[in-house]
């Protein structure tokens, strides 16, 4: 199981998934990735040329953290990604078994316009 950040591009998950240490849990038992979408976006744009004309919040995205108290990953994501097929791809990217995942819709990860303009590029329609 890994934690990190992700985007959903052309029916695939991209981003960074990395291992974590249980000793890194905060005061309420959560372990978060140090990576942020805004900072990691340049890396993604260098790998995926089609992203160079978009801002990080225009592509459906999310974050995976670990809840040490529950022994499960919490998967925060844009509500557009909240379906079984997409969730399975996200879980696979982070090496998470579905029974060890807690999916959550989070308005923080909401996709901003021009989402309608680019939705075909990202295969979400």
Protein backbone atom coordinates (compact mmCIF):
# COMPACT_ATOMS: atom_id res chain seq x y z
CA UNK A 1 0.00 0.00 0.00
CA UNK A 2 1.21 3.48 -0.90
CA UNK A 3 0.14 7.10 -0.43
CA UNK A 4 0.42 10.10 -2.73
CA UNK A 5 -1.39 12.30 -5.21
CA UNK A 6 -2.99 11.55 -8.56
CA UNK A 7 -4.86 12.80 -11.59
CA UNK A 8 -7.07 10.83 -13.96
CA UNK A 9 -5.97 11.30 -17.57
CA UNK A 10 -7.25 9.39 -20.60
CA UNK A 11 -8.67 6.56 -18.49
CA UNK A 12 -5.44 6.12 -16.55
CA UNK A 13 -4.13 7.23 -13.20
CA UNK A 14 -1.01 9.41 -13.21
CA UNK A 15 0.83 11.01 -10.32
CA UNK A 16 3.12 9.79 -7.59
CA UNK A 17 2.59 6.83 -5.27
CA UNK A 18 5.19 6.15 -2.60
CA UNK A 19 5.65 4.02 0.52
CA UNK A 20 5.16 5.43 4.00
CA UNK A 21 6.38 4.76 7.51
CA UNK A 22 3.88 4.09 10.31
CA UNK A 23 6.09 6.19 12.60
CA UNK A 24 5.15 9.24 10.50
CA UNK A 25 1.53 9.29 11.74
CA UNK A 26 0.36 12.67 12.99
CA UNK A 27 -1.42 13.24 16.33
CA UNK A 28 -4.70 11.78 15.03
CA UNK A 29 -3.08 8.80 13.31
CA UNK A 30 -3.01 10.02 9.71
CA UNK A 31 -0.06 9.73 7.35
CA UNK A 32 -0.08 12.12 4.40
CA UNK A 33 2.19 12.53 1.42
CA UNK A 34 4.47 15.57 1.34
CA UNK A 35 3.67 16.04 -2.36
CA UNK A 36 1.17 18.67 -3.46
CA UNK A 37 -0.73 18.89 -6.73
CA UNK A 38 0.38 22.44 -7.39
CA UNK A 39 4.08 21.65 -6.89
CA UNK A 40 4.07 18.30 -8.72
CA UNK A 41 2.13 19.63 -11.73
CA UNK A 42 5.28 20.74 -13.59
CA UNK A 43 6.58 17.16 -13.43
CA UNK A 44 3.34 15.89 -14.95
CA UNK A 45 3.42 18.52 -17.69
CA UNK A 46 6.95 17.48 -18.64
CA UNK A 47 5.85 13.85 -19.03
CA UNK A 48 2.41 14.45 -20.61
CA UNK A 49 2.60 17.12 -23.31
CA UNK A 50 -1.20 17.39 -23.49
CA UNK A 51 -1.21 18.83 -19.96
CA UNK A 52 0.92 21.85 -20.83
CA UNK A 53 -2.12 23.99 -21.61
CA UNK A 54 -4.01 23.15 -18.41
CA UNK A 55 -3.76 24.04 -14.76
CA UNK A 56 -3.51 21.28 -12.17
CA UNK A 57 -7.07 21.83 -10.90
CA UNK A 58 -8.61 21.43 -14.36
CA UNK A 59 -7.93 17.68 -14.45
CA UNK A 60 -9.83 15.31 -12.11
CA UNK A 61 -7.53 14.56 -9.18
CA UNK A 62 -7.23 13.24 -5.66
CA UNK A 63 -5.02 12.19 -2.78
CA UNK A 64 -4.41 8.98 -0.84
CA UNK A 65 -3.49 9.12 2.84
CA UNK A 66 -3.22 6.33 5.41
CA UNK A 67 -5.27 6.10 8.59
CA UNK A 68 -3.05 4.20 11.04
CA UNK A 69 -5.92 3.82 13.53
CA UNK A 70 -8.09 1.98 11.01
CA UNK A 71 -5.26 0.40 9.03
CA UNK A 72 -6.84 1.66 5.81
CA UNK A 73 -6.15 4.11 3.02
CA UNK A 74 -8.44 7.11 2.67
CA UNK A 75 -8.86 8.00 -0.99
CA UNK A 76 -10.01 11.59 -1.48
CA UNK A 77 -11.13 12.37 -5.01
CA UNK A 78 -13.15 14.54 -7.32
CA UNK A 79 -16.77 13.39 -7.39
CA UNK A 80 -16.41 12.78 -11.14
CA UNK A 81 -14.08 9.88 -10.30
CA UNK A 82 -16.38 8.31 -7.72
CA UNK A 83 -17.30 5.08 -9.51
CA UNK A 84 -16.18 1.47 -9.27
CA UNK A 85 -14.17 1.32 -12.51
CA UNK A 86 -12.16 4.46 -11.80
CA UNK A 87 -11.73 3.63 -8.10
CA UNK A 88 -10.28 0.24 -9.04
CA UNK A 89 -7.68 1.94 -11.27
CA UNK A 90 -6.78 4.32 -8.44
CA UNK A 91 -6.49 1.44 -5.95
CA UNK A 92 -4.25 -0.45 -8.38
CA UNK A 93 -1.99 2.59 -8.83
CA UNK A 94 -1.50 2.79 -5.05
CA UNK A 95 -1.38 -1.00 -4.44
CA UNK A 96 -4.52 -0.89 -2.29
CA UNK A 97 -6.97 -3.77 -1.87
CA UNK A 98 -10.53 -2.46 -2.13
CA UNK A 99 -11.38 -3.76 1.34
CA UNK A 100 -8.57 -1.59 2.73
CA UNK A 101 -9.80 1.59 1.03
CA UNK A 102 -12.15 4.27 2.28
CA UNK A 103 -13.27 6.32 -0.74
CA UNK A 104 -14.28 9.91 -0.06
CA UNK A 105 -15.68 12.65 -2.28
CA UNK A 106 -13.98 15.90 -1.40
CA UNK A 107 -14.92 19.36 -2.74
CA UNK A 108 -11.27 20.39 -2.36
CA UNK A 109 -10.50 18.17 -5.36
CA UNK A 110 -13.31 19.54 -7.51
CA UNK A 111 -12.42 20.02 -11.19
CA UNK A 112 -12.62 23.61 -12.40
CA UNK A 113 -13.56 24.84 -15.86
CA UNK A 114 -12.82 24.48 -18.68
CA UNK A 115 -13.70 20.94 -17.64
CA UNK A 116 -16.50 20.76 -20.23
CA UNK A 117 -14.10 21.92 -22.91
CA UNK A 118 -11.48 19.28 -22.14
CA UNK A 119 -13.65 16.36 -20.95
CA UNK A 120 -13.23 14.46 -24.23
CA UNK A 121 -9.44 14.67 -23.94
CA UNK A 122 -9.65 13.06 -20.53
CA UNK A 123 -12.31 10.49 -21.51
CA UNK A 124 -14.78 11.37 -18.81
CA UNK A 125 -17.88 11.86 -20.96
